[in-house]
mmCIF file of all heavy atoms, coordinates in Angstrom:
data_MODEL
# 
_entry.id   MODEL 
# 
loop_
_atom_site.group_PDB 
_atom_site.id 
_atom_site.type_symbol 
_atom_site.label_atom_id 
_atom_site.label_alt_id 
_atom_site.label_comp_id 
_atom_site.label_asym_id 
_atom_site.label_entity_id 
_atom_site.label_seq_id 
_atom_site.pdbx_PDB_ins_code 
_atom_site.Cartn_x 
_atom_site.Cartn_y 
_atom_site.Cartn_z 
_atom_site.occupancy 
_atom_site.B_iso_or_equiv 
_atom_site.pdbx_formal_charge 
_atom_site.auth_seq_id 
_atom_site.auth_comp_id 
_atom_site.auth_asym_id 
_atom_site.auth_atom_id 
_atom_site.pdbx_PDB_model_num 
ATOM 1   N N   . ARG A 1 1  ? -43.506 38.425 0.561   1.00 0.00 ? 1  ARG A N   1 
ATOM 2   C CA  . ARG A 1 1  ? -42.298 37.993 -0.156  1.00 0.00 ? 1  ARG A CA  1 
ATOM 3   C C   . ARG A 1 1  ? -42.334 38.459 -1.607  1.00 0.00 ? 1  ARG A C   1 
ATOM 4   O O   . ARG A 1 1  ? -41.294 38.872 -2.146  1.00 0.00 ? 1  ARG A O   1 
ATOM 5   C CB  . ARG A 1 1  ? -42.178 36.468 -0.090  1.00 0.00 ? 1  ARG A CB  1 
ATOM 6   C CG  . ARG A 1 1  ? -40.868 35.931 -0.654  1.00 0.00 ? 1  ARG A CG  1 
ATOM 7   C CD  . ARG A 1 1  ? -39.680 36.513 0.063   1.00 0.00 ? 1  ARG A CD  1 
ATOM 8   N NE  . ARG A 1 1  ? -38.405 35.980 -0.441  1.00 0.00 ? 1  ARG A NE  1 
ATOM 9   C CZ  . ARG A 1 1  ? -37.280 36.670 -0.466  1.00 0.00 ? 1  ARG A CZ  1 
ATOM 10  N NH1 . ARG A 1 1  ? -37.251 37.918 -0.020  1.00 0.00 ? 1  ARG A NH1 1 
ATOM 11  N NH2 . ARG A 1 1  ? -36.170 36.123 -0.936  1.00 0.00 ? 1  ARG A NH2 1 
ATOM 12  N N   . MET A 1 2  ? -43.500 38.440 -2.249  1.00 0.00 ? 2  MET A N   1 
ATOM 13  C CA  . MET A 1 2  ? -43.613 38.940 -3.624  1.00 0.00 ? 2  MET A CA  1 
ATOM 14  C C   . MET A 1 2  ? -43.247 40.413 -3.691  1.00 0.00 ? 2  MET A C   1 
ATOM 15  O O   . MET A 1 2  ? -42.567 40.866 -4.618  1.00 0.00 ? 2  MET A O   1 
ATOM 16  C CB  . MET A 1 2  ? -45.033 38.736 -4.138  1.00 0.00 ? 2  MET A CB  1 
ATOM 17  C CG  . MET A 1 2  ? -45.323 37.347 -4.660  1.00 0.00 ? 2  MET A CG  1 
ATOM 18  S SD  . MET A 1 2  ? -46.853 37.323 -5.613  1.00 0.00 ? 2  MET A SD  1 
ATOM 19  C CE  . MET A 1 2  ? -46.847 35.625 -6.167  1.00 0.00 ? 2  MET A CE  1 
ATOM 20  N N   . SER A 1 3  ? -43.701 41.174 -2.694  1.00 0.00 ? 3  SER A N   1 
ATOM 21  C CA  . SER A 1 3  ? -43.416 42.610 -2.664  1.00 0.00 ? 3  SER A CA  1 
ATOM 22  C C   . SER A 1 3  ? -41.927 42.875 -2.503  1.00 0.00 ? 3  SER A C   1 
ATOM 23  O O   . SER A 1 3  ? -41.410 43.887 -2.998  1.00 0.00 ? 3  SER A O   1 
ATOM 24  C CB  . SER A 1 3  ? -44.189 43.275 -1.520  1.00 0.00 ? 3  SER A CB  1 
ATOM 25  O OG  . SER A 1 3  ? -45.589 43.118 -1.709  1.00 0.00 ? 3  SER A OG  1 
ATOM 26  N N   . GLU A 1 4  ? -41.234 41.977 -1.810  1.00 0.00 ? 4  GLU A N   1 
ATOM 27  C CA  . GLU A 1 4  ? -39.799 42.125 -1.620  1.00 0.00 ? 4  GLU A CA  1 
ATOM 28  C C   . GLU A 1 4  ? -39.013 41.840 -2.902  1.00 0.00 ? 4  GLU A C   1 
ATOM 29  O O   . GLU A 1 4  ? -37.955 42.433 -3.135  1.00 0.00 ? 4  GLU A O   1 
ATOM 30  C CB  . GLU A 1 4  ? -39.316 41.189 -0.512  1.00 0.00 ? 4  GLU A CB  1 
ATOM 31  C CG  . GLU A 1 4  ? -39.834 41.554 0.877   1.00 0.00 ? 4  GLU A CG  1 
ATOM 32  C CD  . GLU A 1 4  ? -39.552 40.485 1.908   1.00 0.00 ? 4  GLU A CD  1 
ATOM 33  O OE1 . GLU A 1 4  ? -39.160 39.353 1.523   1.00 0.00 ? 4  GLU A OE1 1 
ATOM 34  O OE2 . GLU A 1 4  ? -39.730 40.759 3.097   1.00 0.00 ? 4  GLU A OE2 1 
ATOM 35  N N   . LEU A 1 5  ? -39.549 40.943 -3.725  1.00 0.00 ? 5  LEU A N   1 
ATOM 36  C CA  . LEU A 1 5  ? -38.803 40.478 -4.899  1.00 0.00 ? 5  LEU A CA  1 
ATOM 37  C C   . LEU A 1 5  ? -39.165 41.190 -6.196  1.00 0.00 ? 5  LEU A C   1 
ATOM 38  O O   . LEU A 1 5  ? -38.313 41.337 -7.091  1.00 0.00 ? 5  LEU A O   1 
ATOM 39  C CB  . LEU A 1 5  ? -39.020 38.974 -5.091  1.00 0.00 ? 5  LEU A CB  1 
ATOM 40  C CG  . LEU A 1 5  ? -38.445 38.048 -4.022  1.00 0.00 ? 5  LEU A CG  1 
ATOM 41  C CD1 . LEU A 1 5  ? -38.916 36.624 -4.254  1.00 0.00 ? 5  LEU A CD1 1 
ATOM 42  C CD2 . LEU A 1 5  ? -36.920 38.121 -4.025  1.00 0.00 ? 5  LEU A CD2 1 
ATOM 43  N N   . PHE A 1 6  ? -40.424 41.619 -6.321  1.00 0.00 ? 6  PHE A N   1 
ATOM 44  C CA  . PHE A 1 6  ? -40.903 42.139 -7.598  1.00 0.00 ? 6  PHE A CA  1 
ATOM 45  C C   . PHE A 1 6  ? -41.674 43.447 -7.411  1.00 0.00 ? 6  PHE A C   1 
ATOM 46  O O   . PHE A 1 6  ? -42.033 43.816 -6.294  1.00 0.00 ? 6  PHE A O   1 
ATOM 47  C CB  . PHE A 1 6  ? -41.823 41.101 -8.268  1.00 0.00 ? 6  PHE A CB  1 
ATOM 48  C CG  . PHE A 1 6  ? -41.286 39.702 -8.258  1.00 0.00 ? 6  PHE A CG  1 
ATOM 49  C CD1 . PHE A 1 6  ? -41.918 38.701 -7.520  1.00 0.00 ? 6  PHE A CD1 1 
ATOM 50  C CD2 . PHE A 1 6  ? -40.144 39.377 -8.966  1.00 0.00 ? 6  PHE A CD2 1 
ATOM 51  C CE1 . PHE A 1 6  ? -41.437 37.417 -7.490  1.00 0.00 ? 6  PHE A CE1 1 
ATOM 52  C CE2 . PHE A 1 6  ? -39.633 38.088 -8.947  1.00 0.00 ? 6  PHE A CE2 1 
ATOM 53  C CZ  . PHE A 1 6  ? -40.278 37.099 -8.206  1.00 0.00 ? 6  PHE A CZ  1 
ATOM 54  N N   . ASN A 1 7  ? -41.938 44.129 -8.527  1.00 0.00 ? 7  ASN A N   1 
ATOM 55  C CA  . ASN A 1 7  ? -42.867 45.252 -8.515  1.00 0.00 ? 7  ASN A CA  1 
ATOM 56  C C   . ASN A 1 7  ? -44.265 44.661 -8.654  1.00 0.00 ? 7  ASN A C   1 
ATOM 57  O O   . ASN A 1 7  ? -44.747 44.421 -9.769  1.00 0.00 ? 7  ASN A O   1 
ATOM 58  C CB  . ASN A 1 7  ? -42.568 46.200 -9.681  1.00 0.00 ? 7  ASN A CB  1 
ATOM 59  C CG  . ASN A 1 7  ? -41.285 46.976 -9.466  1.00 0.00 ? 7  ASN A CG  1 
ATOM 60  O OD1 . ASN A 1 7  ? -40.916 47.271 -8.338  1.00 0.00 ? 7  ASN A OD1 1 
ATOM 61  N ND2 . ASN A 1 7  ? -40.589 47.284 -10.557 1.00 0.00 ? 7  ASN A ND2 1 
ATOM 62  N N   . VAL A 1 8  ? -44.881 44.400 -7.537  1.00 0.00 ? 8  VAL A N   1 
ATOM 63  C CA  . VAL A 1 8  ? -46.106 43.609 -7.550  1.00 0.00 ? 8  VAL A CA  1 
ATOM 64  C C   . VAL A 1 8  ? -47.334 44.483 -7.319  1.00 0.00 ? 8  VAL A C   1 
ATOM 65  O O   . VAL A 1 8  ? -47.318 45.416 -6.501  1.00 0.00 ? 8  VAL A O   1 
ATOM 66  C CB  . VAL A 1 8  ? -46.036 42.478 -6.488  1.00 0.00 ? 8  VAL A CB  1 
ATOM 67  C CG1 . VAL A 1 8  ? -45.928 43.042 -5.090  1.00 0.00 ? 8  VAL A CG1 1 
ATOM 68  C CG2 . VAL A 1 8  ? -47.228 41.539 -6.602  1.00 0.00 ? 8  VAL A CG2 1 
ATOM 69  N N   . SER A 1 9  ? -48.389 44.167 -8.051  1.00 0.00 ? 9  SER A N   1 
ATOM 70  C CA  . SER A 1 9  ? -49.690 44.799 -7.861  1.00 0.00 ? 9  SER A CA  1 
ATOM 71  C C   . SER A 1 9  ? -50.600 43.770 -7.201  1.00 0.00 ? 9  SER A C   1 
ATOM 72  O O   . SER A 1 9  ? -50.915 42.738 -7.798  1.00 0.00 ? 9  SER A O   1 
ATOM 73  C CB  . SER A 1 9  ? -50.278 45.231 -9.209  1.00 0.00 ? 9  SER A CB  1 
ATOM 74  O OG  . SER A 1 9  ? -51.606 45.701 -9.054  1.00 0.00 ? 9  SER A OG  1 
ATOM 75  N N   . LEU A 1 10 ? -50.991 44.045 -5.945  1.00 0.00 ? 10 LEU A N   1 
ATOM 76  C CA  . LEU A 1 10 ? -51.791 43.104 -5.168  1.00 0.00 ? 10 LEU A CA  1 
ATOM 77  C C   . LEU A 1 10 ? -53.260 43.507 -5.191  1.00 0.00 ? 10 LEU A C   1 
ATOM 78  O O   . LEU A 1 10 ? -53.593 44.685 -5.330  1.00 0.00 ? 10 LEU A O   1 
ATOM 79  C CB  . LEU A 1 10 ? -51.287 43.045 -3.723  1.00 0.00 ? 10 LEU A CB  1 
ATOM 80  C CG  . LEU A 1 10 ? -49.840 42.580 -3.533  1.00 0.00 ? 10 LEU A CG  1 
ATOM 81  C CD1 . LEU A 1 10 ? -49.423 42.755 -2.084  1.00 0.00 ? 10 LEU A CD1 1 
ATOM 82  C CD2 . LEU A 1 10 ? -49.678 41.126 -3.972  1.00 0.00 ? 10 LEU A CD2 1 
ATOM 83  N N   . ARG A 1 11 ? -54.108 42.540 -4.997  1.00 0.00 ? 11 ARG A N   1 
ATOM 84  C CA  . ARG A 1 11 ? -55.550 42.784 -4.959  1.00 0.00 ? 11 ARG A CA  1 
ATOM 85  C C   . ARG A 1 11 ? -55.933 43.310 -3.577  1.00 0.00 ? 11 ARG A C   1 
ATOM 86  O O   . ARG A 1 11 ? -55.539 42.740 -2.559  1.00 0.00 ? 11 ARG A O   1 
ATOM 87  C CB  . ARG A 1 11 ? -56.286 41.466 -5.233  1.00 0.00 ? 11 ARG A CB  1 
ATOM 88  C CG  . ARG A 1 11 ? -57.757 41.607 -5.541  1.00 0.00 ? 11 ARG A CG  1 
ATOM 89  C CD  . ARG A 1 11 ? -57.971 42.149 -6.910  1.00 0.00 ? 11 ARG A CD  1 
ATOM 90  N NE  . ARG A 1 11 ? -59.393 42.082 -7.285  1.00 0.00 ? 11 ARG A NE  1 
ATOM 91  C CZ  . ARG A 1 11 ? -59.958 42.927 -8.121  1.00 0.00 ? 11 ARG A CZ  1 
ATOM 92  N NH1 . ARG A 1 11 ? -59.253 43.911 -8.644  1.00 0.00 ? 11 ARG A NH1 1 
ATOM 93  N NH2 . ARG A 1 11 ? -61.230 42.805 -8.435  1.00 0.00 ? 11 ARG A NH2 1 
ATOM 94  N N   . GLU A 1 12 ? -56.681 44.405 -3.550  1.00 0.00 ? 12 GLU A N   1 
ATOM 95  C CA  . GLU A 1 12 ? -57.046 44.991 -2.265  1.00 0.00 ? 12 GLU A CA  1 
ATOM 96  C C   . GLU A 1 12 ? -58.188 44.247 -1.581  1.00 0.00 ? 12 GLU A C   1 
ATOM 97  O O   . GLU A 1 12 ? -58.294 44.269 -0.357  1.00 0.00 ? 12 GLU A O   1 
ATOM 98  C CB  . GLU A 1 12 ? -57.422 46.465 -2.443  1.00 0.00 ? 12 GLU A CB  1 
ATOM 99  C CG  . GLU A 1 12 ? -56.236 47.334 -2.841  1.00 0.00 ? 12 GLU A CG  1 
ATOM 100 C CD  . GLU A 1 12 ? -56.580 48.798 -2.879  1.00 0.00 ? 12 GLU A CD  1 
ATOM 101 O OE1 . GLU A 1 12 ? -57.744 49.142 -2.594  1.00 0.00 ? 12 GLU A OE1 1 
ATOM 102 O OE2 . GLU A 1 12 ? -55.686 49.611 -3.200  1.00 0.00 ? 12 GLU A OE2 1 
ATOM 103 N N   . ASP A 1 13 ? -59.061 43.611 -2.354  1.00 0.00 ? 13 ASP A N   1 
ATOM 104 C CA  . ASP A 1 13 ? -60.121 42.797 -1.758  1.00 0.00 ? 13 ASP A CA  1 
ATOM 105 C C   . ASP A 1 13 ? -60.059 41.411 -2.382  1.00 0.00 ? 13 ASP A C   1 
ATOM 106 O O   . ASP A 1 13 ? -59.241 41.146 -3.252  1.00 0.00 ? 13 ASP A O   1 
ATOM 107 C CB  . ASP A 1 13 ? -61.511 43.424 -1.940  1.00 0.00 ? 13 ASP A CB  1 
ATOM 108 C CG  . ASP A 1 13 ? -61.832 43.670 -3.414  1.00 0.00 ? 13 ASP A CG  1 
ATOM 109 O OD1 . ASP A 1 13 ? -61.547 42.780 -4.250  1.00 0.00 ? 13 ASP A OD1 1 
ATOM 110 O OD2 . ASP A 1 13 ? -62.379 44.735 -3.740  1.00 0.00 ? 13 ASP A OD2 1 
ATOM 111 N N   . ASP A 1 14 ? -60.932 40.528 -1.931  1.00 0.00 ? 14 ASP A N   1 
ATOM 112 C CA  . ASP A 1 14 ? -60.843 39.133 -2.383  1.00 0.00 ? 14 ASP A CA  1 
ATOM 113 C C   . ASP A 1 14 ? -61.898 38.792 -3.433  1.00 0.00 ? 14 ASP A C   1 
ATOM 114 O O   . ASP A 1 14 ? -62.309 37.654 -3.561  1.00 0.00 ? 14 ASP A O   1 
ATOM 115 C CB  . ASP A 1 14 ? -60.967 38.180 -1.191  1.00 0.00 ? 14 ASP A CB  1 
ATOM 116 C CG  . ASP A 1 14 ? -60.358 36.813 -1.512  1.00 0.00 ? 14 ASP A CG  1 
ATOM 117 O OD1 . ASP A 1 14 ? -59.485 36.763 -2.399  1.00 0.00 ? 14 ASP A OD1 1 
ATOM 118 O OD2 . ASP A 1 14 ? -60.767 35.820 -0.900  1.00 0.00 ? 14 ASP A OD2 1 
ATOM 119 N N   . THR A 1 15 ? -62.332 39.791 -4.184  1.00 0.00 ? 15 THR A N   1 
ATOM 120 C CA  . THR A 1 15 ? -63.265 39.531 -5.276  1.00 0.00 ? 15 THR A CA  1 
ATOM 121 C C   . THR A 1 15 ? -62.484 39.210 -6.551  1.00 0.00 ? 15 THR A C   1 
ATOM 122 O O   . THR A 1 15 ? -61.374 39.722 -6.746  1.00 0.00 ? 15 THR A O   1 
ATOM 123 C CB  . THR A 1 15 ? -64.167 40.743 -5.529  1.00 0.00 ? 15 THR A CB  1 
ATOM 124 O OG1 . THR A 1 15 ? -63.340 41.874 -5.836  1.00 0.00 ? 15 THR A OG1 1 
ATOM 125 C CG2 . THR A 1 15 ? -65.026 41.038 -4.304  1.00 0.00 ? 15 THR A CG2 1 
ATOM 126 N N   . PRO A 1 16 ? -63.039 38.377 -7.437  1.00 0.00 ? 16 PRO A N   1 
ATOM 127 C CA  . PRO A 1 16 ? -62.347 38.093 -8.696  1.00 0.00 ? 16 PRO A CA  1 
ATOM 128 C C   . PRO A 1 16 ? -62.237 39.347 -9.557  1.00 0.00 ? 16 PRO A C   1 
ATOM 129 O O   . PRO A 1 16 ? -63.072 40.248 -9.494  1.00 0.00 ? 16 PRO A O   1 
ATOM 130 C CB  . PRO A 1 16 ? -63.249 37.046 -9.372  1.00 0.00 ? 16 PRO A CB  1 
ATOM 131 C CG  . PRO A 1 16 ? -64.095 36.490 -8.283  1.00 0.00 ? 16 PRO A CG  1 
ATOM 132 C CD  . PRO A 1 16 ? -64.285 37.588 -7.295  1.00 0.00 ? 16 PRO A CD  1 
ATOM 133 N N   . MET A 1 17 ? -61.196 39.406 -10.347 1.00 0.00 ? 17 MET A N   1 
ATOM 134 C CA  . MET A 1 17 ? -61.056 40.499 -11.305 1.00 0.00 ? 17 MET A CA  1 
ATOM 135 C C   . MET A 1 17 ? -62.120 40.385 -12.397 1.00 0.00 ? 17 MET A C   1 
ATOM 136 O O   . MET A 1 17 ? -62.502 39.281 -12.793 1.00 0.00 ? 17 MET A O   1 
ATOM 137 C CB  . MET A 1 17 ? -59.675 40.464 -11.964 1.00 0.00 ? 17 MET A CB  1 
ATOM 138 C CG  . MET A 1 17 ? -58.556 41.066 -11.153 1.00 0.00 ? 17 MET A CG  1 
ATOM 139 S SD  . MET A 1 17 ? -57.035 41.146 -12.143 1.00 0.00 ? 17 MET A SD  1 
ATOM 140 C CE  . MET A 1 17 ? -56.002 42.143 -11.082 1.00 0.00 ? 17 MET A CE  1 
ATOM 141 N N   . SER A 1 18 ? -62.571 41.514 -12.890 1.00 0.00 ? 18 SER A N   1 
ATOM 142 C CA  . SER A 1 18 ? -63.455 41.516 -14.049 1.00 0.00 ? 18 SER A CA  1 
ATOM 143 C C   . SER A 1 18 ? -62.629 41.166 -15.288 1.00 0.00 ? 18 SER A C   1 
ATOM 144 O O   . SER A 1 18 ? -61.390 41.180 -15.261 1.00 0.00 ? 18 SER A O   1 
ATOM 145 C CB  . SER A 1 18 ? -64.096 42.885 -14.229 1.00 0.00 ? 18 SER A CB  1 
ATOM 146 O OG  . SER A 1 18 ? -63.106 43.850 -14.596 1.00 0.00 ? 18 SER A OG  1 
ATOM 147 N N   . ARG A 1 19 ? -63.312 40.874 -16.368 1.00 0.00 ? 19 ARG A N   1 
ATOM 148 C CA  . ARG A 1 19 ? -62.598 40.530 -17.598 1.00 0.00 ? 19 ARG A CA  1 
ATOM 149 C C   . ARG A 1 19 ? -61.754 41.714 -18.091 1.00 0.00 ? 19 ARG A C   1 
ATOM 150 O O   . ARG A 1 19 ? -60.644 41.526 -18.574 1.00 0.00 ? 19 ARG A O   1 
ATOM 151 C CB  . ARG A 1 19 ? -63.596 40.085 -18.664 1.00 0.00 ? 19 ARG A CB  1 
ATOM 152 C CG  . ARG A 1 19 ? -62.934 39.448 -19.887 1.00 0.00 ? 19 ARG A CG  1 
ATOM 153 C CD  . ARG A 1 19 ? -63.929 38.720 -20.742 1.00 0.00 ? 19 ARG A CD  1 
ATOM 154 N NE  . ARG A 1 19 ? -63.305 38.163 -21.928 1.00 0.00 ? 19 ARG A NE  1 
ATOM 155 C CZ  . ARG A 1 19 ? -62.691 36.989 -21.986 1.00 0.00 ? 19 ARG A CZ  1 
ATOM 156 N NH1 . ARG A 1 19 ? -62.616 36.253 -20.890 1.00 0.00 ? 19 ARG A NH1 1 
ATOM 157 N NH2 . ARG A 1 19 ? -62.158 36.557 -23.112 1.00 0.00 ? 19 ARG A NH2 1 
ATOM 158 N N   . GLU A 1 20 ? -62.280 42.920 -17.945 1.00 0.00 ? 20 GLU A N   1 
ATOM 159 C CA  . GLU A 1 20 ? -61.522 44.087 -18.369 1.00 0.00 ? 20 GLU A CA  1 
ATOM 160 C C   . GLU A 1 20 ? -60.292 44.291 -17.482 1.00 0.00 ? 20 GLU A C   1 
ATOM 161 O O   . GLU A 1 20 ? -59.223 44.672 -17.965 1.00 0.00 ? 20 GLU A O   1 
ATOM 162 C CB  . GLU A 1 20 ? -62.401 45.336 -18.341 1.00 0.00 ? 20 GLU A CB  1 
ATOM 163 C CG  . GLU A 1 20 ? -61.664 46.621 -18.727 1.00 0.00 ? 20 GLU A CG  1 
ATOM 164 C CD  . GLU A 1 20 ? -60.885 46.523 -20.031 1.00 0.00 ? 20 GLU A CD  1 
ATOM 165 O OE1 . GLU A 1 20 ? -61.384 45.884 -20.993 1.00 0.00 ? 20 GLU A OE1 1 
ATOM 166 O OE2 . GLU A 1 20 ? -59.764 47.064 -20.092 1.00 0.00 ? 20 GLU A OE2 1 
ATOM 167 N N   . GLU A 1 21 ? -60.431 44.023 -16.180 1.00 0.00 ? 21 GLU A N   1 
ATOM 168 C CA  . GLU A 1 21 ? -59.273 44.136 -15.285 1.00 0.00 ? 21 GLU A CA  1 
ATOM 169 C C   . GLU A 1 21 ? -58.206 43.111 -15.651 1.00 0.00 ? 21 GLU A C   1 
ATOM 170 O O   . GLU A 1 21 ? -57.002 43.408 -15.619 1.00 0.00 ? 21 GLU A O   1 
ATOM 171 C CB  . GLU A 1 21 ? -59.711 43.950 -13.834 1.00 0.00 ? 21 GLU A CB  1 
ATOM 172 C CG  . GLU A 1 21 ? -60.471 45.127 -13.259 1.00 0.00 ? 21 GLU A CG  1 
ATOM 173 C CD  . GLU A 1 21 ? -60.976 44.860 -11.855 1.00 0.00 ? 21 GLU A CD  1 
ATOM 174 O OE1 . GLU A 1 21 ? -61.539 43.763 -11.621 1.00 0.00 ? 21 GLU A OE1 1 
ATOM 175 O OE2 . GLU A 1 21 ? -60.823 45.745 -10.989 1.00 0.00 ? 21 GLU A OE2 1 
ATOM 176 N N   . LEU A 1 22 ? -58.635 41.893 -16.011 1.00 0.00 ? 22 LEU A N   1 
ATOM 177 C CA  . LEU A 1 22 ? -57.675 40.879 -16.440 1.00 0.00 ? 22 LEU A CA  1 
ATOM 178 C C   . LEU A 1 22 ? -56.978 41.305 -17.736 1.00 0.00 ? 22 LEU A C   1 
ATOM 179 O O   . LEU A 1 22 ? -55.759 41.143 -17.883 1.00 0.00 ? 22 LEU A O   1 
ATOM 180 C CB  . LEU A 1 22 ? -58.386 39.538 -16.652 1.00 0.00 ? 22 LEU A CB  1 
ATOM 181 C CG  . LEU A 1 22 ? -58.805 38.775 -15.397 1.00 0.00 ? 22 LEU A CG  1 
ATOM 182 C CD1 . LEU A 1 22 ? -59.701 37.595 -15.769 1.00 0.00 ? 22 LEU A CD1 1 
ATOM 183 C CD2 . LEU A 1 22 ? -57.575 38.279 -14.628 1.00 0.00 ? 22 LEU A CD2 1 
ATOM 184 N N   . ALA A 1 23 ? -57.763 41.864 -18.664 1.00 0.00 ? 23 ALA A N   1 
ATOM 185 C CA  . ALA A 1 23 ? -57.183 42.322 -19.930 1.00 0.00 ? 23 ALA A CA  1 
ATOM 186 C C   . ALA A 1 23 ? -56.156 43.418 -19.687 1.00 0.00 ? 23 ALA A C   1 
ATOM 187 O O   . ALA A 1 23 ? -55.068 43.422 -20.289 1.00 0.00 ? 23 ALA A O   1 
ATOM 188 C CB  . ALA A 1 23 ? -58.288 42.811 -20.867 1.00 0.00 ? 23 ALA A CB  1 
ATOM 189 N N   . GLN A 1 24 ? -56.470 44.340 -18.777 1.00 0.00 ? 24 GLN A N   1 
ATOM 190 C CA  . GLN A 1 24 ? -55.536 45.405 -18.456 1.00 0.00 ? 24 GLN A CA  1 
ATOM 191 C C   . GLN A 1 24 ? -54.258 44.853 -17.834 1.00 0.00 ? 24 GLN A C   1 
ATOM 192 O O   . GLN A 1 24 ? -53.148 45.314 -18.145 1.00 0.00 ? 24 GLN A O   1 
ATOM 193 C CB  . GLN A 1 24 ? -56.196 46.407 -17.492 1.00 0.00 ? 24 GLN A CB  1 
ATOM 194 C CG  . GLN A 1 24 ? -55.309 47.548 -17.055 1.00 0.00 ? 24 GLN A CG  1 
ATOM 195 C CD  . GLN A 1 24 ? -54.858 48.445 -18.205 1.00 0.00 ? 24 GLN A CD  1 
ATOM 196 O OE1 . GLN A 1 24 ? -55.478 48.453 -19.277 1.00 0.00 ? 24 GLN A OE1 1 
ATOM 197 N NE2 . GLN A 1 24 ? -53.767 49.180 -18.005 1.00 0.00 ? 24 GLN A NE2 1 
ATOM 198 N N   . ALA A 1 25 ? -54.403 43.844 -16.979 1.00 0.00 ? 25 ALA A N   1 
ATOM 199 C CA  . ALA A 1 25 ? -53.226 43.216 -16.376 1.00 0.00 ? 25 ALA A CA  1 
ATOM 200 C C   . ALA A 1 25 ? -52.350 42.555 -17.436 1.00 0.00 ? 25 ALA A C   1 
ATOM 201 O O   . ALA A 1 25 ? -51.119 42.664 -17.407 1.00 0.00 ? 25 ALA A O   1 
ATOM 202 C CB  . ALA A 1 25 ? -53.666 42.192 -15.334 1.00 0.00 ? 25 ALA A CB  1 
ATOM 203 N N   . LEU A 1 26 ? -52.982 41.889 -18.393 1.00 0.00 ? 26 LEU A N   1 
ATOM 204 C CA  . LEU A 1 26 ? -52.219 41.241 -19.459 1.00 0.00 ? 26 LEU A CA  1 
ATOM 205 C C   . LEU A 1 26 ? -51.517 42.261 -20.348 1.00 0.00 ? 26 LEU A C   1 
ATOM 206 O O   . LEU A 1 26 ? -50.447 41.983 -20.904 1.00 0.00 ? 26 LEU A O   1 
ATOM 207 C CB  . LEU A 1 26 ? -53.158 40.378 -20.311 1.00 0.00 ? 26 LEU A CB  1 
ATOM 208 C CG  . LEU A 1 26 ? -53.710 39.110 -19.655 1.00 0.00 ? 26 LEU A CG  1 
ATOM 209 C CD1 . LEU A 1 26 ? -54.830 38.514 -20.498 1.00 0.00 ? 26 LEU A CD1 1 
ATOM 210 C CD2 . LEU A 1 26 ? -52.617 38.090 -19.449 1.00 0.00 ? 26 LEU A CD2 1 
ATOM 211 N N   . ARG A 1 27 ? -52.100 43.436 -20.478 1.00 0.00 ? 27 ARG A N   1 
ATOM 212 C CA  . ARG A 1 27 ? -51.495 44.474 -21.322 1.00 0.00 ? 27 ARG A CA  1 
ATOM 213 C C   . ARG A 1 27 ? -50.295 45.146 -20.664 1.00 0.00 ? 27 ARG A C   1 
ATOM 214 O O   . ARG A 1 27 ? -49.439 45.701 -21.357 1.00 0.00 ? 27 ARG A O   1 
ATOM 215 C CB  . ARG A 1 27 ? -52.541 45.537 -21.680 1.00 0.00 ? 27 ARG A CB  1 
ATOM 216 C CG  . ARG A 1 27 ? -53.586 45.085 -22.691 1.00 0.00 ? 27 ARG A CG  1 
ATOM 217 C CD  . ARG A 1 27 ? -54.393 46.244 -23.219 1.00 0.00 ? 27 ARG A CD  1 
ATOM 218 N NE  . ARG A 1 27 ? -55.314 46.775 -22.233 1.00 0.00 ? 27 ARG A NE  1 
ATOM 219 C CZ  . ARG A 1 27 ? -56.600 46.435 -22.135 1.00 0.00 ? 27 ARG A CZ  1 
ATOM 220 N NH1 . ARG A 1 27 ? -57.111 45.541 -22.982 1.00 0.00 ? 27 ARG A NH1 1 
ATOM 221 N NH2 . ARG A 1 27 ? -57.376 46.961 -21.217 1.00 0.00 ? 27 ARG A NH2 1 
# 
């Protein structure tokens, strides 16, 4: 449903994001 409504970037695996990955997402 998110993919239908938004330009969404989904996580390919179920590991937590690193701090740098979170920072990149916020940017």
